[in-house]
Protein backbone atom coordinates (compact mmCIF):
# COMPACT_ATOMS: atom_id res chain seq x y z
CA MET A 1 58.63 -5.57 -25.32
CA LYS A 2 60.34 -8.28 -27.42
CA VAL A 3 64.19 -7.79 -27.53
CA LEU A 4 67.15 -9.43 -29.26
CA ILE A 5 70.47 -9.10 -27.42
CA VAL A 6 73.90 -8.99 -29.19
CA ALA A 7 77.20 -9.44 -27.36
CA CYS A 8 80.62 -9.38 -28.30
CA GLY A 9 81.58 -13.09 -28.87
CA SER A 10 85.19 -12.63 -28.32
CA TYR A 11 84.79 -10.72 -25.13
CA ALA A 12 81.98 -13.16 -23.97
CA SER A 13 83.60 -16.38 -24.88
CA GLN A 14 87.20 -15.49 -23.71
CA GLY A 15 85.86 -14.49 -20.21
CA TYR A 16 87.20 -11.08 -20.21
CA GLY A 17 85.02 -9.99 -17.07
CA CYS A 18 81.74 -11.26 -18.85
CA PRO A 19 80.90 -14.64 -18.04
CA GLY A 20 78.32 -14.71 -20.93
CA GLU A 21 74.65 -13.90 -20.99
CA TRP A 22 73.69 -14.36 -17.49
CA LYS A 23 73.98 -10.69 -16.65
CA CYS A 24 72.33 -9.58 -19.68
CA LEU A 25 69.34 -11.90 -19.11
CA LYS A 26 68.95 -11.20 -15.35
CA ALA A 27 68.86 -7.39 -16.09
CA ALA A 28 66.10 -8.11 -18.70
CA ASN A 29 64.05 -10.36 -16.47
CA ASP A 30 64.37 -7.87 -13.51
CA LYS A 31 63.71 -4.68 -15.85
CA GLU A 32 67.17 -3.23 -14.62
CA GLY A 33 69.91 -1.42 -16.26
CA GLU A 34 69.08 -0.29 -19.75
CA PHE A 35 65.72 -2.40 -19.68
CA ALA A 36 64.14 -0.39 -16.76
CA GLY A 37 62.57 2.17 -18.95
CA TYR A 38 60.16 -0.33 -20.67
CA ALA A 39 56.55 -0.26 -19.56
CA ASP A 40 56.15 -3.79 -20.54
CA ASN A 41 57.46 -7.02 -19.50
CA VAL A 42 60.42 -7.77 -21.49
CA GLN A 43 60.94 -10.72 -23.26
CA VAL A 44 64.23 -12.00 -24.65
CA VAL A 45 63.72 -13.57 -27.96
CA GLY A 46 67.24 -14.55 -29.06
CA PHE A 47 70.95 -13.88 -27.66
CA LEU A 48 73.51 -13.47 -30.68
CA GLU A 49 77.18 -13.15 -30.24
CA CYS A 50 79.01 -10.98 -32.89
CA GLU A 51 82.08 -12.73 -33.99
CA CYS A 52 85.30 -11.42 -35.20
CA ASN A 53 84.98 -9.54 -37.61
CA GLY A 54 81.32 -8.99 -37.60
CA ARG A 55 80.93 -9.83 -41.04
CA GLN A 56 77.83 -11.98 -40.41
CA LEU A 57 76.18 -10.09 -37.68
CA ILE A 58 73.74 -8.49 -40.14
CA ALA A 59 72.50 -11.62 -41.80
CA ASN A 60 72.27 -13.33 -38.48
CA ILE A 61 69.91 -10.74 -37.30
CA GLY A 62 67.95 -10.89 -40.56
CA CYS A 63 67.72 -14.63 -39.99
CA VAL A 64 66.47 -13.96 -36.37
CA LYS A 65 63.84 -11.50 -37.86
CA LYS A 66 62.41 -13.88 -40.22
CA ASN A 67 61.68 -16.22 -37.77
CA VAL A 68 61.06 -14.19 -34.56
CA ASP A 69 59.63 -10.66 -34.29
CA PHE A 70 61.15 -8.30 -32.00
CA ASP A 71 60.91 -4.59 -31.16
CA ALA A 72 64.46 -3.67 -30.16
CA VAL A 73 68.21 -4.83 -30.32
CA HIS A 74 70.29 -4.37 -27.28
CA PHE A 75 73.96 -4.30 -27.67
CA SER A 76 75.32 -5.93 -24.46
CA THR A 77 77.07 -3.95 -22.04
CA CYS A 78 80.48 -5.80 -22.82
CA MET A 79 79.83 -4.95 -26.38
CA VAL A 80 79.80 -1.10 -25.89
CA LYS A 81 81.87 -0.46 -22.97
CA SER A 82 84.63 -3.05 -23.31
CA TRP A 83 88.30 -1.65 -23.74
CA PRO A 84 90.08 -1.98 -25.91
CA SER A 85 87.09 -1.31 -28.16
CA CYS A 86 86.45 -3.30 -31.28
CA PRO A 87 88.79 -2.92 -33.98
CA TYR A 88 86.52 -3.96 -36.79
CA MET A 89 83.47 -1.82 -36.53
CA ASP A 90 82.12 1.43 -34.93
CA VAL A 91 79.25 0.61 -32.45
CA ASP A 92 77.49 3.90 -33.54
CA GLU A 93 77.58 3.11 -37.09
CA LEU A 94 76.57 -0.51 -36.54
CA ALA A 95 73.48 0.55 -34.60
CA GLN A 96 72.61 3.17 -37.07
CA LYS A 97 72.79 0.30 -40.01
CA ILE A 98 70.68 -2.14 -37.85
CA GLU A 99 67.97 0.48 -37.33
CA GLU A 100 67.60 1.26 -40.95
CA LYS A 101 67.73 -2.14 -42.27
CA PHE A 102 65.27 -3.72 -39.68
CA GLY A 103 63.24 -0.72 -38.40
CA VAL A 104 63.96 -1.44 -34.90
CA LYS A 105 65.46 0.70 -31.97
CA VAL A 106 69.02 -0.10 -31.20
CA VAL A 107 69.89 0.24 -27.40
CA LYS A 108 73.51 0.42 -26.49
CA GLY A 109 74.03 -1.60 -23.20
CA THR A 110 72.25 -4.25 -20.93
CA HIS A 111 73.19 -4.18 -17.34
CA ASN A 112 75.01 -2.18 -14.91
CA TYR A 113 76.51 -4.83 -13.03
CA GLY A 114 80.23 -4.68 -12.49
């Protein structure tokens, strides 16, 4: 299973309880958290950060898709469970747009680490 991980850039880069990608990458590598249900090994093919106001995210995912095939997009745990939530977009609506545009599954979450 080839996956692209998308994290909240503001949350990750500011260190609000998320030191960046290590938790997401560990969960993918160890098939824990939201990666546990995959029968195949998980290969992370990219890690993007959604930068406020999210305007470039769809285009950036498209750039990855042109160059590297992937089966699913995982929104990082910090992207889907942070509080306060993103003031610029609704995570469910964003997931639907990505699924429609790229024909891939979007999973909300990566890890269950604190």
